[in-house]
Amino acid sequence: MTNVGKKLKIDNCFTVSSNGKSEGLTMLWNFETRVNITSFNSHHINAKKIEEMKARLI
């Protein structure tokens, strides 16, 4: 799946491997976004976006 991420210029991914005849799951996100994977299984990926304060230059 990392090849797809490279083609789409996506920096991060989390993959749940396939189980039997299923296809598996992948979540992709950009470098600027911080993500916390809270739980996963063969049917879902539960994640929370972590907000950060960005300092402004005056």
PDB file of N, CA and C in Angstrom:
ATOM      1  N   MET A   1       0.805  -1.195   0.000  1.00  0.00           N
ATOM      2  CA  MET A   1       0.000   0.000   0.000  1.00  0.00           C
ATOM      3  C   MET A   1       0.852   1.264   0.000  1.00  0.00           C
ATOM      4  N   THR A   2       2.100   1.161   0.402  1.00  0.00           N
ATOM      5  CA  THR A   2       2.956   2.343   0.430  1.00  0.00           C
ATOM      6  C   THR A   2       3.181   2.900  -0.968  1.00  0.00           C
ATOM      7  N   ASN A   3       3.108   2.070  -2.004  1.00  0.00           N
ATOM      8  CA  ASN A   3       3.250   2.570  -3.369  1.00  0.00           C
ATOM      9  C   ASN A   3       2.109   3.516  -3.726  1.00  0.00           C
ATOM     10  N   VAL A   4       0.903   3.210  -3.287  1.00  0.00           N
ATOM     11  CA  VAL A   4      -0.240   4.086  -3.534  1.00  0.00           C
ATOM     12  C   VAL A   4      -0.038   5.407  -2.810  1.00  0.00           C
ATOM     13  N   GLY A   5       0.420   5.343  -1.572  1.00  0.00           N
ATOM     14  CA  GLY A   5       0.693   6.560  -0.811  1.00  0.00           C
ATOM     15  C   GLY A   5       1.730   7.433  -1.484  1.00  0.00           C
ATOM     16  N   LYS A   6       2.774   6.839  -2.030  1.00  0.00           N
ATOM     17  CA  LYS A   6       3.801   7.607  -2.737  1.00  0.00           C
ATOM     18  C   LYS A   6       3.230   8.267  -3.982  1.00  0.00           C
ATOM     19  N   LYS A   7       2.400   7.549  -4.737  1.00  0.00           N
ATOM     20  CA  LYS A   7       1.795   8.121  -5.948  1.00  0.00           C
ATOM     21  C   LYS A   7       0.879   9.288  -5.614  1.00  0.00           C
ATOM     22  N   LEU A   8       0.172   9.192  -4.482  1.00  0.00           N
ATOM     23  CA  LEU A   8      -0.746  10.256  -4.066  1.00  0.00           C
ATOM     24  C   LEU A   8      -0.047  11.340  -3.246  1.00  0.00           C
ATOM     25  N   LYS A   9       1.253  11.169  -3.000  1.00  0.00           N
ATOM     26  CA  LYS A   9       2.063  12.078  -2.188  1.00  0.00           C
ATOM     27  C   LYS A   9       1.514  12.174  -0.763  1.00  0.00           C
ATOM     28  N   ILE A  10       1.160  11.018  -0.204  1.00  0.00           N
ATOM     29  CA  ILE A  10       0.693  10.898   1.168  1.00  0.00           C
ATOM     30  C   ILE A  10       1.848  10.364   1.995  1.00  0.00           C
ATOM     31  N   ASP A  11       2.079  10.992   3.155  1.00  0.00           N
ATOM     32  CA  ASP A  11       3.263  10.672   3.953  1.00  0.00           C
ATOM     33  C   ASP A  11       3.096   9.504   4.918  1.00  0.00           C
ATOM     34  N   ASN A  12       1.903   9.304   5.452  1.00  0.00           N
ATOM     35  CA  ASN A  12       1.711   8.314   6.507  1.00  0.00           C
ATOM     36  C   ASN A  12       0.586   7.350   6.163  1.00  0.00           C
ATOM     37  N   CYS A  13       0.729   6.128   6.644  1.00  0.00           N
ATOM     38  CA  CYS A  13      -0.346   5.155   6.450  1.00  0.00           C
ATOM     39  C   CYS A  13      -0.364   4.161   7.603  1.00  0.00           C
ATOM     40  N   PHE A  14      -1.541   3.595   7.811  1.00  0.00           N
ATOM     41  CA  PHE A  14      -1.724   2.527   8.785  1.00  0.00           C
ATOM     42  C   PHE A  14      -2.511   1.441   8.074  1.00  0.00           C
ATOM     43  N   THR A  15      -2.006   0.215   8.091  1.00  0.00           N
ATOM     44  CA  THR A  15      -2.619  -0.877   7.344  1.00  0.00           C
ATOM     45  C   THR A  15      -2.997  -2.021   8.272  1.00  0.00           C
ATOM     46  N   VAL A  16      -4.200  -2.541   8.074  1.00  0.00           N
ATOM     47  CA  VAL A  16      -4.654  -3.750   8.751  1.00  0.00           C
ATOM     48  C   VAL A  16      -4.596  -4.855   7.706  1.00  0.00           C
ATOM     49  N   SER A  17      -3.814  -5.885   7.954  1.00  0.00           N
ATOM     50  CA  SER A  17      -3.625  -6.969   6.984  1.00  0.00           C
ATOM     51  C   SER A  17      -4.926  -7.692   6.686  1.00  0.00           C
ATOM     52  N   SER A  18      -4.968  -8.286   5.510  1.00  0.00           N
ATOM     53  CA  SER A  18      -6.154  -9.046   5.117  1.00  0.00           C
ATOM     54  C   SER A  18      -6.278 -10.298   5.984  1.00  0.00           C
ATOM     55  N   ASN A  19      -7.514 -10.792   6.069  1.00  0.00           N
ATOM     56  CA  ASN A  19      -7.798 -11.979   6.860  1.00  0.00           C
ATOM     57  C   ASN A  19      -8.611 -12.930   5.981  1.00  0.00           C
ATOM     58  N   GLY A  20      -8.014 -14.032   5.566  1.00  0.00           N
ATOM     59  CA  GLY A  20      -8.712 -14.955   4.664  1.00  0.00           C
ATOM     60  C   GLY A  20      -8.870 -14.347   3.291  1.00  0.00           C
ATOM     61  N   LYS A  21     -10.105 -14.270   2.792  1.00  0.00           N
ATOM     62  CA  LYS A  21     -10.364 -13.729   1.461  1.00  0.00           C
ATOM     63  C   LYS A  21     -10.662 -12.232   1.466  1.00  0.00           C
ATOM     64  N   SER A  22     -10.636 -11.611   2.648  1.00  0.00           N
ATOM     65  CA  SER A  22     -10.893 -10.168   2.708  1.00  0.00           C
ATOM     66  C   SER A  22      -9.702  -9.399   2.141  1.00  0.00           C
ATOM     67  N   GLU A  23      -9.905  -8.123   1.859  1.00  0.00           N
ATOM     68  CA  GLU A  23      -8.876  -7.294   1.229  1.00  0.00           C
ATOM     69  C   GLU A  23      -7.975  -6.554   2.204  1.00  0.00           C
ATOM     70  N   GLY A  24      -8.410  -6.329   3.439  1.00  0.00           N
ATOM     71  CA  GLY A  24      -7.636  -5.534   4.373  1.00  0.00           C
ATOM     72  C   GLY A  24      -8.047  -4.073   4.293  1.00  0.00           C
ATOM     73  N   LEU A  25      -7.488  -3.241   5.178  1.00  0.00           N
ATOM     74  CA  LEU A  25      -7.831  -1.819   5.250  1.00  0.00           C
ATOM     75  C   LEU A  25      -6.564  -0.991   5.316  1.00  0.00           C
ATOM     76  N   THR A  26      -6.638   0.217   4.780  1.00  0.00           N
ATOM     77  CA  THR A  26      -5.534   1.159   4.905  1.00  0.00           C
ATOM     78  C   THR A  26      -6.086   2.552   5.136  1.00  0.00           C
ATOM     79  N   MET A  27      -5.459   3.271   6.048  1.00  0.00           N
ATOM     80  CA  MET A  27      -5.790   4.673   6.292  1.00  0.00           C
ATOM     81  C   MET A  27      -4.572   5.493   5.914  1.00  0.00           C
ATOM     82  N   LEU A  28      -4.765   6.541   5.118  1.00  0.00           N
ATOM     83  CA  LEU A  28      -3.677   7.404   4.662  1.00  0.00           C
ATOM     84  C   LEU A  28      -3.894   8.819   5.193  1.00  0.00           C
ATOM     85  N   TRP A  29      -2.797   9.514   5.561  1.00  0.00           N
ATOM     86  CA  TRP A  29      -2.911  10.903   5.966  1.00  0.00           C
ATOM     87  C   TRP A  29      -1.598  11.622   5.696  1.00  0.00           C
ATOM     88  N   ASN A  30      -1.691  12.946   5.594  1.00  0.00           N
ATOM     89  CA  ASN A  30      -0.542  13.790   5.269  1.00  0.00           C
ATOM     90  C   ASN A  30       0.345  14.058   6.478  1.00  0.00           C
ATOM     91  N   PHE A  31       1.548  14.527   6.181  1.00  0.00           N
ATOM     92  CA  PHE A  31       2.555  14.816   7.199  1.00  0.00           C
ATOM     93  C   PHE A  31       2.070  15.858   8.200  1.00  0.00           C
ATOM     94  N   GLU A  32       1.323  16.868   7.734  1.00  0.00           N
ATOM     95  CA  GLU A  32       0.885  17.958   8.594  1.00  0.00           C
ATOM     96  C   GLU A  32      -0.137  17.503   9.637  1.00  0.00           C
ATOM     97  N   THR A  33      -0.783  16.394   9.402  1.00  0.00           N
ATOM     98  CA  THR A  33      -1.835  15.900  10.283  1.00  0.00           C
ATOM     99  C   THR A  33      -1.262  14.880  11.256  1.00  0.00           C
ATOM    100  N   ARG A  34      -1.539  15.063  12.541  1.00  0.00           N
ATOM    101  CA  ARG A  34      -1.135  14.081  13.544  1.00  0.00           C
ATOM    102  C   ARG A  34      -2.345  13.235  13.876  1.00  0.00           C
ATOM    103  N   VAL A  35      -2.164  11.921  13.864  1.00  0.00           N
ATOM    104  CA  VAL A  35      -3.266  10.983  14.066  1.00  0.00           C
ATOM    105  C   VAL A  35      -2.898  10.003  15.172  1.00  0.00           C
ATOM    106  N   ASN A  36      -3.872   9.690  16.007  1.00  0.00           N
ATOM    107  CA  ASN A  36      -3.706   8.686  17.045  1.00  0.00           C
ATOM    108  C   ASN A  36      -4.657   7.528  16.721  1.00  0.00           C
ATOM    109  N   ILE A  37      -4.115   6.359  16.390  1.00  0.00           N
ATOM    110  CA  ILE A  37      -4.927   5.172  16.131  1.00  0.00           C
ATOM    111  C   ILE A  37      -5.358   4.628  17.479  1.00  0.00           C
ATOM    112  N   THR A  38      -6.675   4.629  17.744  1.00  0.00           N
ATOM    113  CA  THR A  38      -7.158   4.203  19.052  1.00  0.00           C
ATOM    114  C   THR A  38      -7.529   2.726  19.088  1.00  0.00           C
ATOM    115  N   SER A  39      -8.039   2.196  17.972  1.00  0.00           N
ATOM    116  CA  SER A  39      -8.333   0.768  17.894  1.00  0.00           C
ATOM    117  C   SER A  39      -8.498   0.373  16.433  1.00  0.00           C
ATOM    118  N   PHE A  40      -8.382  -0.926  16.182  1.00  0.00           N
ATOM    119  CA  PHE A  40      -8.569  -1.423  14.822  1.00  0.00           C
ATOM    120  C   PHE A  40      -8.836  -2.916  14.866  1.00  0.00           C
ATOM    121  N   ASN A  41      -9.479  -3.396  13.817  1.00  0.00           N
ATOM    122  CA  ASN A  41      -9.608  -4.831  13.574  1.00  0.00           C
ATOM    123  C   ASN A  41      -9.802  -5.012  12.077  1.00  0.00           C
ATOM    124  N   SER A  42     -10.212  -6.167  11.646  1.00  0.00           N
ATOM    125  CA  SER A  42     -10.322  -6.415  10.202  1.00  0.00           C
ATOM    126  C   SER A  42     -11.484  -5.674   9.551  1.00  0.00           C
ATOM    127  N   HIS A  43     -12.339  -5.013  10.364  1.00  0.00           N
ATOM    128  CA  HIS A  43     -13.506  -4.310   9.824  1.00  0.00           C
ATOM    129  C   HIS A  43     -13.439  -2.790   9.956  1.00  0.00           C
ATOM    130  N   HIS A  44     -12.571  -2.276  10.806  1.00  0.00           N
ATOM    131  CA  HIS A  44     -12.523  -0.825  10.993  1.00  0.00           C
ATOM    132  C   HIS A  44     -11.156  -0.371  11.501  1.00  0.00           C
ATOM    133  N   ILE A  45     -10.898   0.926  11.305  1.00  0.00           N
ATOM    134  CA  ILE A  45      -9.764   1.616  11.923  1.00  0.00           C
ATOM    135  C   ILE A  45     -10.358   2.828  12.621  1.00  0.00           C
ATOM    136  N   ASN A  46     -10.177   2.920  13.928  1.00  0.00           N
ATOM    137  CA  ASN A  46     -10.684   4.046  14.703  1.00  0.00           C
ATOM    138  C   ASN A  46      -9.506   4.950  15.024  1.00  0.00           C
ATOM    139  N   ALA A  47      -9.594   6.210  14.580  1.00  0.00           N
ATOM    140  CA  ALA A  47      -8.486   7.146  14.776  1.00  0.00           C
ATOM    141  C   ALA A  47      -9.026   8.504  15.174  1.00  0.00           C
ATOM    142  N   LYS A  48      -8.180   9.253  15.884  1.00  0.00           N
ATOM    143  CA  LYS A  48      -8.512  10.622  16.257  1.00  0.00           C
ATOM    144  C   LYS A  48      -7.436  11.549  15.718  1.00  0.00           C
ATOM    145  N   LYS A  49      -7.884  12.652  15.137  1.00  0.00           N
ATOM    146  CA  LYS A  49      -6.954  13.679  14.687  1.00  0.00           C
ATOM    147  C   LYS A  49      -6.528  14.485  15.898  1.00  0.00           C
ATOM    148  N   ILE A  50      -5.228  14.698  16.052  1.00  0.00           N
ATOM    149  CA  ILE A  50      -4.694  15.455  17.178  1.00  0.00           C
ATOM    150  C   ILE A  50      -4.487  16.892  16.710  1.00  0.00           C
ATOM    151  N   GLU A  51      -5.176  17.807  17.366  1.00  0.00           N
ATOM    152  CA  GLU A  51      -5.058  19.226  17.023  1.00  0.00           C
ATOM    153  C   GLU A  51      -3.833  19.800  17.706  1.00  0.00           C
ATOM    154  N   GLU A  52      -3.132  20.661  17.001  1.00  0.00           N
ATOM    155  CA  GLU A  52      -1.979  21.339  17.571  1.00  0.00           C
ATOM    156  C   GLU A  52      -2.109  22.826  17.349  1.00  0.00           C
ATOM    157  N   MET A  53      -1.668  23.580  18.321  1.00  0.00           N
ATOM    158  CA  MET A  53      -1.613  25.037  18.163  1.00  0.00           C
ATOM    159  C   MET A  53      -0.374  25.350  17.349  1.00  0.00           C
ATOM    160  N   LYS A  54      -0.544  26.150  16.311  1.00  0.00           N
ATOM    161  CA  LYS A  54       0.591  26.580  15.509  1.00  0.00           C
ATOM    162  C   LYS A  54       0.923  28.010  15.879  1.00  0.00           C
ATOM    163  N   ALA A  55       2.180  28.252  16.186  1.00  0.00           N
ATOM    164  CA  ALA A  55       2.613  29.595  16.546  1.00  0.00           C
ATOM    165  C   ALA A  55       2.625  30.487  15.311  1.00  0.00           C
ATOM    166  N   ARG A  56       2.189  31.712  15.475  1.00  0.00           N
ATOM    167  CA  ARG A  56       2.213  32.692  14.384  1.00  0.00           C
ATOM    168  C   ARG A  56       3.371  33.655  14.599  1.00  0.00           C
ATOM    169  N   LEU A  57       4.025  33.972  13.524  1.00  0.00           N
ATOM    170  CA  LEU A  57       5.092  34.971  13.590  1.00  0.00           C
ATOM    171  C   LEU A  57       4.472  36.344  13.349  1.00  0.00           C
ATOM    172  N   ILE A  58       4.788  37.277  14.210  1.00  0.00           N
ATOM    173  CA  ILE A  58       4.225  38.639  14.062  1.00  0.00           C
ATOM    174  C   ILE A  58       5.303  39.561  13.584  1.00  0.00           C
TER     175      ILE A  58
END
